Amino acid sequence: MKKISVPLDAKQIQSLKAGDEVLLTGDLFTARDQAHKRLIAAKKLPLDLKGQVIYYCGPTNTPKGEVIGSCGPTTSSRMDGYTARLLRKGLSAMIGKGRRSKEVRLAIKKHKAVYFLAYAGCGALVSKYVRKVVPVAYQDLGPEAIVRLEVKDLPLIVAIDSKGKDIYEA
C-alpha cells in the first residue's frame, strides 16, 4: 500500500495508478449534495480547495466517547454535475463509492486529479481512522454540513487516476 498525505501535490497524484491501494493521512473535507450546491453558488468559498480532498460522506451522530459516528461513503455519481467546476477551483481528489460519468473521468484527467473509492458498507470501520472533527461550513445542513476530518492511514483504492484510467473500465 502506498502512503500519501493531504494536501496532495502533483507528484503524489501522478504517481497513483487505477487499482492502487493507498493509506491517506491528513485533513479532508466532507461534502454531499446540498453542500456542493452551495459551494458552486458561493462567490467566496468557505475553504481553500487547492490540493484538497472532498469525501462524499454525511457522518451519523457521534456516540458518547467516540470522535465521530459512522462515516461511510455515499454514491459519488450524485455529485457528478458539480465535479468539473470544483476541479477548476483547485480540488485535487474525491472519495466516494461507485462509478463516475465519462464527463467526470475526462475532467479528472484534464485537471490531473484523482478519484478514490472508500470501502462501502464499512462506515463504522472507517470512523476508526478519524482522529479529529472540526465544523467548517453550512452547519444548518446537519449531516450534510462541511466538516474537516483529520484521518490517519485511511484505506482507499484509486478508482480513476490522473491519466483518466478507470478501474470500472478495465
C-alpha atoms as a PDB file:
ATOM      1  CA  MET A   1       0.000   0.000   0.000  1.00  0.00           C
ATOM      2  CA  LYS A   2       1.183   3.491  -0.828  1.00  0.00           C
ATOM      3  CA  LYS A   3       1.129   6.084   1.928  1.00  0.00           C
ATOM      4  CA  ILE A   4       0.013   9.532   0.818  1.00  0.00           C
ATOM      5  CA  SER A   5      -0.802  12.714   2.686  1.00  0.00           C
ATOM      6  CA  VAL A   6      -3.030  15.748   2.244  1.00  0.00           C
ATOM      7  CA  PRO A   7      -2.625  18.330   0.866  1.00  0.00           C
ATOM      8  CA  LEU A   8      -1.921  16.329  -2.248  1.00  0.00           C
ATOM      9  CA  ASP A   9       0.690  17.604  -4.655  1.00  0.00           C
ATOM     10  CA  ALA A  10       1.072  16.908  -8.374  1.00  0.00           C
ATOM     11  CA  LYS A  11       3.867  14.403  -7.812  1.00  0.00           C
ATOM     12  CA  GLN A  12       1.800  12.307  -5.391  1.00  0.00           C
ATOM     13  CA  ILE A  13      -1.251  12.372  -7.648  1.00  0.00           C
ATOM     14  CA  GLN A  14       0.688  11.463 -10.792  1.00  0.00           C
ATOM     15  CA  SER A  15       2.341   8.523  -9.016  1.00  0.00           C
ATOM     16  CA  LEU A  16      -1.040   6.892  -8.397  1.00  0.00           C
ATOM     17  CA  LYS A  17      -2.445   4.330 -10.815  1.00  0.00           C
ATOM     18  CA  ALA A  18      -6.003   2.999 -11.066  1.00  0.00           C
ATOM     19  CA  GLY A  19      -6.254  -0.008  -8.782  1.00  0.00           C
ATOM     20  CA  ASP A  20      -3.573   1.148  -6.336  1.00  0.00           C
ATOM     21  CA  GLU A  21      -4.381   0.688  -2.666  1.00  0.00           C
ATOM     22  CA  VAL A  22      -3.412   3.688  -0.546  1.00  0.00           C
ATOM     23  CA  LEU A  23      -3.383   4.850   3.055  1.00  0.00           C
ATOM     24  CA  LEU A  24      -4.363   8.520   3.270  1.00  0.00           C
ATOM     25  CA  THR A  25      -3.290  10.725   6.165  1.00  0.00           C
ATOM     26  CA  GLY A  26      -4.163  14.364   6.763  1.00  0.00           C
ATOM     27  CA  ASP A  27      -7.170  16.651   6.624  1.00  0.00           C
ATOM     28  CA  LEU A  28     -10.051  16.127   4.224  1.00  0.00           C
ATOM     29  CA  PHE A  29     -13.485  17.671   3.960  1.00  0.00           C
ATOM     30  CA  THR A  30     -16.883  16.011   3.930  1.00  0.00           C
ATOM     31  CA  ALA A  31     -19.444  17.347   1.466  1.00  0.00           C
ATOM     32  CA  ARG A  32     -22.565  15.906  -0.103  1.00  0.00           C
ATOM     33  CA  ASP A  33     -25.257  17.130  -2.492  1.00  0.00           C
ATOM     34  CA  GLN A  34     -26.535  20.203  -0.645  1.00  0.00           C
ATOM     35  CA  ALA A  35     -23.050  21.399   0.314  1.00  0.00           C
ATOM     36  CA  HIS A  36     -21.941  21.002  -3.309  1.00  0.00           C
ATOM     37  CA  LYS A  37     -24.829  23.195  -4.471  1.00  0.00           C
ATOM     38  CA  ARG A  38     -23.733  25.901  -2.071  1.00  0.00           C
ATOM     39  CA  LEU A  39     -20.052  25.601  -2.990  1.00  0.00           C
ATOM     40  CA  ILE A  40     -20.890  26.094  -6.662  1.00  0.00           C
ATOM     41  CA  ALA A  41     -23.108  29.105  -5.907  1.00  0.00           C
ATOM     42  CA  ALA A  42     -20.651  30.741  -3.452  1.00  0.00           C
ATOM     43  CA  LYS A  43     -18.909  33.914  -4.528  1.00  0.00           C
ATOM     44  CA  LYS A  44     -16.221  33.150  -1.916  1.00  0.00           C
ATOM     45  CA  LEU A  45     -15.579  29.547  -0.906  1.00  0.00           C
ATOM     46  CA  PRO A  46     -15.583  28.731   2.831  1.00  0.00           C
ATOM     47  CA  LEU A  47     -12.398  26.677   2.305  1.00  0.00           C
ATOM     48  CA  ASP A  48      -9.392  26.648   0.020  1.00  0.00           C
ATOM     49  CA  LEU A  49      -9.734  23.646  -2.316  1.00  0.00           C
ATOM     50  CA  LYS A  50      -6.144  23.707  -3.616  1.00  0.00           C
ATOM     51  CA  GLY A  51      -4.608  20.287  -3.025  1.00  0.00           C
ATOM     52  CA  GLN A  52      -7.635  19.217  -1.020  1.00  0.00           C
ATOM     53  CA  VAL A  53      -9.817  16.134  -0.869  1.00  0.00           C
ATOM     54  CA  ILE A  54     -13.614  16.029  -0.596  1.00  0.00           C
ATOM     55  CA  TYR A  55     -15.123  12.919   0.947  1.00  0.00           C
ATOM     56  CA  TYR A  56     -18.695  12.267  -0.138  1.00  0.00           C
ATOM     57  CA  CYS A  57     -19.961  11.458   3.319  1.00  0.00           C
ATOM     58  CA  GLY A  58     -22.610  12.535   5.805  1.00  0.00           C
ATOM     59  CA  PRO A  59     -21.482  11.288   9.229  1.00  0.00           C
ATOM     60  CA  THR A  60     -24.074   9.986  11.662  1.00  0.00           C
ATOM     61  CA  ASN A  61     -24.457  11.281  15.219  1.00  0.00           C
ATOM     62  CA  THR A  62     -21.360  10.806  17.339  1.00  0.00           C
ATOM     63  CA  PRO A  63     -21.724   8.145  20.029  1.00  0.00           C
ATOM     64  CA  LYS A  64     -20.521   9.003  23.528  1.00  0.00           C
ATOM     65  CA  GLY A  65     -16.775   8.518  23.831  1.00  0.00           C
ATOM     66  CA  GLU A  66     -16.166   8.445  20.060  1.00  0.00           C
ATOM     67  CA  VAL A  67     -14.646  11.057  17.719  1.00  0.00           C
ATOM     68  CA  ILE A  68     -17.320  10.593  15.038  1.00  0.00           C
ATOM     69  CA  GLY A  69     -20.240   8.346  14.213  1.00  0.00           C
ATOM     70  CA  SER A  70     -20.416   6.052  11.210  1.00  0.00           C
ATOM     71  CA  CYS A  71     -18.920   7.835   8.210  1.00  0.00           C
ATOM     72  CA  GLY A  72     -19.104   5.642   5.154  1.00  0.00           C
ATOM     73  CA  PRO A  73     -19.089   6.919   1.567  1.00  0.00           C
ATOM     74  CA  THR A  74     -22.164   7.963  -0.359  1.00  0.00           C
ATOM     75  CA  THR A  75     -22.773   7.380  -4.068  1.00  0.00           C
ATOM     76  CA  SER A  76     -20.386   9.637  -5.958  1.00  0.00           C
ATOM     77  CA  SER A  77     -22.401   9.977  -9.162  1.00  0.00           C
ATOM     78  CA  ARG A  78     -24.805  12.272  -7.297  1.00  0.00           C
ATOM     79  CA  MET A  79     -22.020  14.878  -7.283  1.00  0.00           C
ATOM     80  CA  ASP A  80     -21.085  14.457 -10.962  1.00  0.00           C
ATOM     81  CA  GLY A  81     -22.853  17.654 -12.016  1.00  0.00           C
ATOM     82  CA  TYR A  82     -20.645  19.711  -9.683  1.00  0.00           C
ATOM     83  CA  THR A  83     -17.316  17.932 -10.014  1.00  0.00           C
ATOM     84  CA  ALA A  84     -15.763  19.683 -13.035  1.00  0.00           C
ATOM     85  CA  ARG A  85     -16.473  23.121 -11.537  1.00  0.00           C
ATOM     86  CA  LEU A  86     -14.865  22.173  -8.216  1.00  0.00           C
ATOM     87  CA  LEU A  87     -11.844  20.711 -10.002  1.00  0.00           C
ATOM     88  CA  ARG A  88     -11.488  24.068 -11.801  1.00  0.00           C
ATOM     89  CA  LYS A  89     -11.475  25.731  -8.359  1.00  0.00           C
ATOM     90  CA  GLY A  90      -8.464  23.604  -7.327  1.00  0.00           C
ATOM     91  CA  LEU A  91      -9.922  20.407  -5.849  1.00  0.00           C
ATOM     92  CA  SER A  92      -7.370  17.584  -6.185  1.00  0.00           C
ATOM     93  CA  ALA A  93      -9.275  14.471  -5.147  1.00  0.00           C
ATOM     94  CA  MET A  94     -12.608  12.976  -4.234  1.00  0.00           C
ATOM     95  CA  ILE A  95     -13.543   9.949  -2.139  1.00  0.00           C
ATOM     96  CA  GLY A  96     -16.793   8.065  -2.542  1.00  0.00           C
ATOM     97  CA  LYS A  97     -18.290   4.898  -3.894  1.00  0.00           C
ATOM     98  CA  GLY A  98     -19.326   3.779  -7.347  1.00  0.00           C
ATOM     99  CA  ARG A  99     -18.739   4.759 -10.939  1.00  0.00           C
ATOM    100  CA  ARG A 100     -18.316   8.289 -12.252  1.00  0.00           C
ATOM    101  CA  SER A 101     -19.612   9.655 -15.535  1.00  0.00           C
ATOM    102  CA  LYS A 102     -17.489   9.960 -18.665  1.00  0.00           C
ATOM    103  CA  GLU A 103     -17.556  13.757 -18.200  1.00  0.00           C
ATOM    104  CA  VAL A 104     -16.138  13.449 -14.694  1.00  0.00           C
ATOM    105  CA  ARG A 105     -13.474  10.988 -15.837  1.00  0.00           C
ATOM    106  CA  LEU A 106     -12.402  13.469 -18.542  1.00  0.00           C
ATOM    107  CA  ALA A 107     -12.402  16.363 -16.034  1.00  0.00           C
ATOM    108  CA  ILE A 108     -10.242  14.331 -13.643  1.00  0.00           C
ATOM    109  CA  LYS A 109      -7.793  13.718 -16.487  1.00  0.00           C
ATOM    110  CA  LYS A 110      -7.845  17.357 -17.612  1.00  0.00           C
ATOM    111  CA  HIS A 111      -7.199  18.697 -14.108  1.00  0.00           C
ATOM    112  CA  LYS A 112      -4.799  15.872 -13.170  1.00  0.00           C
ATOM    113  CA  ALA A 113      -6.864  14.919 -10.136  1.00  0.00           C
ATOM    114  CA  VAL A 114      -7.776  11.527  -8.661  1.00  0.00           C
ATOM    115  CA  TYR A 115     -10.907   9.697  -7.505  1.00  0.00           C
ATOM    116  CA  PHE A 116     -10.665   7.239  -4.624  1.00  0.00           C
ATOM    117  CA  LEU A 117     -13.067   4.544  -3.509  1.00  0.00           C
ATOM    118  CA  ALA A 118     -13.747   4.060   0.186  1.00  0.00           C
ATOM    119  CA  TYR A 119     -14.980   0.699   1.350  1.00  0.00           C
ATOM    120  CA  ALA A 120     -18.779   0.773   1.110  1.00  0.00           C
ATOM    121  CA  GLY A 121     -20.842  -0.666   3.936  1.00  0.00           C
ATOM    122  CA  CYS A 122     -17.996  -0.103   6.395  1.00  0.00           C
ATOM    123  CA  GLY A 123     -18.909   3.311   7.848  1.00  0.00           C
ATOM    124  CA  ALA A 124     -18.336   2.204  11.440  1.00  0.00           C
ATOM    125  CA  LEU A 125     -14.920   0.829  10.482  1.00  0.00           C
ATOM    126  CA  VAL A 126     -13.996   3.991   8.518  1.00  0.00           C
ATOM    127  CA  SER A 127     -14.761   6.068  11.633  1.00  0.00           C
ATOM    128  CA  LYS A 128     -11.832   4.369  13.420  1.00  0.00           C
ATOM    129  CA  TYR A 129      -9.401   6.191  11.092  1.00  0.00           C
ATOM    130  CA  VAL A 130     -10.763   9.635  12.055  1.00  0.00           C
ATOM    131  CA  ARG A 131      -8.704  11.422  14.716  1.00  0.00           C
ATOM    132  CA  LYS A 132     -10.456  14.801  14.830  1.00  0.00           C
ATOM    133  CA  VAL A 133     -13.615  16.510  13.525  1.00  0.00           C
ATOM    134  CA  VAL A 134     -13.940  20.283  13.037  1.00  0.00           C
ATOM    135  CA  PRO A 135     -17.064  22.045  11.673  1.00  0.00           C
ATOM    136  CA  VAL A 136     -16.253  24.203   8.622  1.00  0.00           C
ATOM    137  CA  ALA A 137     -19.410  25.464   6.885  1.00  0.00           C
ATOM    138  CA  TYR A 138     -23.149  25.088   6.344  1.00  0.00           C
ATOM    139  CA  GLN A 139     -23.937  23.723   9.816  1.00  0.00           C
ATOM    140  CA  ASP A 140     -27.649  24.199   9.071  1.00  0.00           C
ATOM    141  CA  LEU A 141     -27.368  21.192   6.715  1.00  0.00           C
ATOM    142  CA  GLY A 142     -26.881  18.816   9.656  1.00  0.00           C
ATOM    143  CA  PRO A 143     -25.049  15.677   8.499  1.00  0.00           C
ATOM    144  CA  GLU A 144     -24.533  17.280   5.073  1.00  0.00           C
ATOM    145  CA  ALA A 145     -22.537  20.184   6.545  1.00  0.00           C
ATOM    146  CA  ILE A 146     -18.914  20.529   5.555  1.00  0.00           C
ATOM    147  CA  VAL A 147     -16.615  19.270   8.285  1.00  0.00           C
ATOM    148  CA  ARG A 148     -12.875  18.766   8.332  1.00  0.00           C
ATOM    149  CA  LEU A 149     -11.784  15.272   9.241  1.00  0.00           C
ATOM    150  CA  GLU A 150      -8.255  14.560  10.355  1.00  0.00           C
ATOM    151  CA  VAL A 151      -7.571  10.979   9.256  1.00  0.00           C
ATOM    152  CA  LYS A 152      -4.674   8.601   9.793  1.00  0.00           C
ATOM    153  CA  ASP A 153      -3.974   5.797   7.293  1.00  0.00           C
ATOM    154  CA  LEU A 154      -7.494   5.767   5.808  1.00  0.00           C
ATOM    155  CA  PRO A 155      -7.534   2.798   3.388  1.00  0.00           C
ATOM    156  CA  LEU A 156      -8.675   3.703  -0.126  1.00  0.00           C
ATOM    157  CA  ILE A 157      -8.467   2.398  -3.696  1.00  0.00           C
ATOM    158  CA  VAL A 158      -7.604   4.586  -6.692  1.00  0.00           C
ATOM    159  CA  ALA A 159     -10.641   4.295  -8.962  1.00  0.00           C
ATOM    160  CA  ILE A 160      -9.721   6.936 -11.567  1.00  0.00           C
ATOM    161  CA  ASP A 161      -6.143   8.116 -11.864  1.00  0.00           C
ATOM    162  CA  SER A 162      -4.816  11.428 -13.212  1.00  0.00           C
ATOM    163  CA  LYS A 163      -4.461   9.932 -16.702  1.00  0.00           C
ATOM    164  CA  GLY A 164      -8.156   9.056 -16.772  1.00  0.00           C
ATOM    165  CA  LYS A 165      -7.744   5.305 -16.317  1.00  0.00           C
ATOM    166  CA  ASP A 166     -10.843   3.941 -14.582  1.00  0.00           C
ATOM    167  CA  ILE A 167     -10.961   0.601 -12.751  1.00  0.00           C
ATOM    168  CA  TYR A 168     -14.581   0.210 -13.851  1.00  0.00           C
ATOM    169  CA  GLU A 169     -13.455   0.372 -17.494  1.00  0.00           C
ATOM    170  CA  ALA A 170     -10.609  -2.170 -17.184  1.00  0.00           C
END
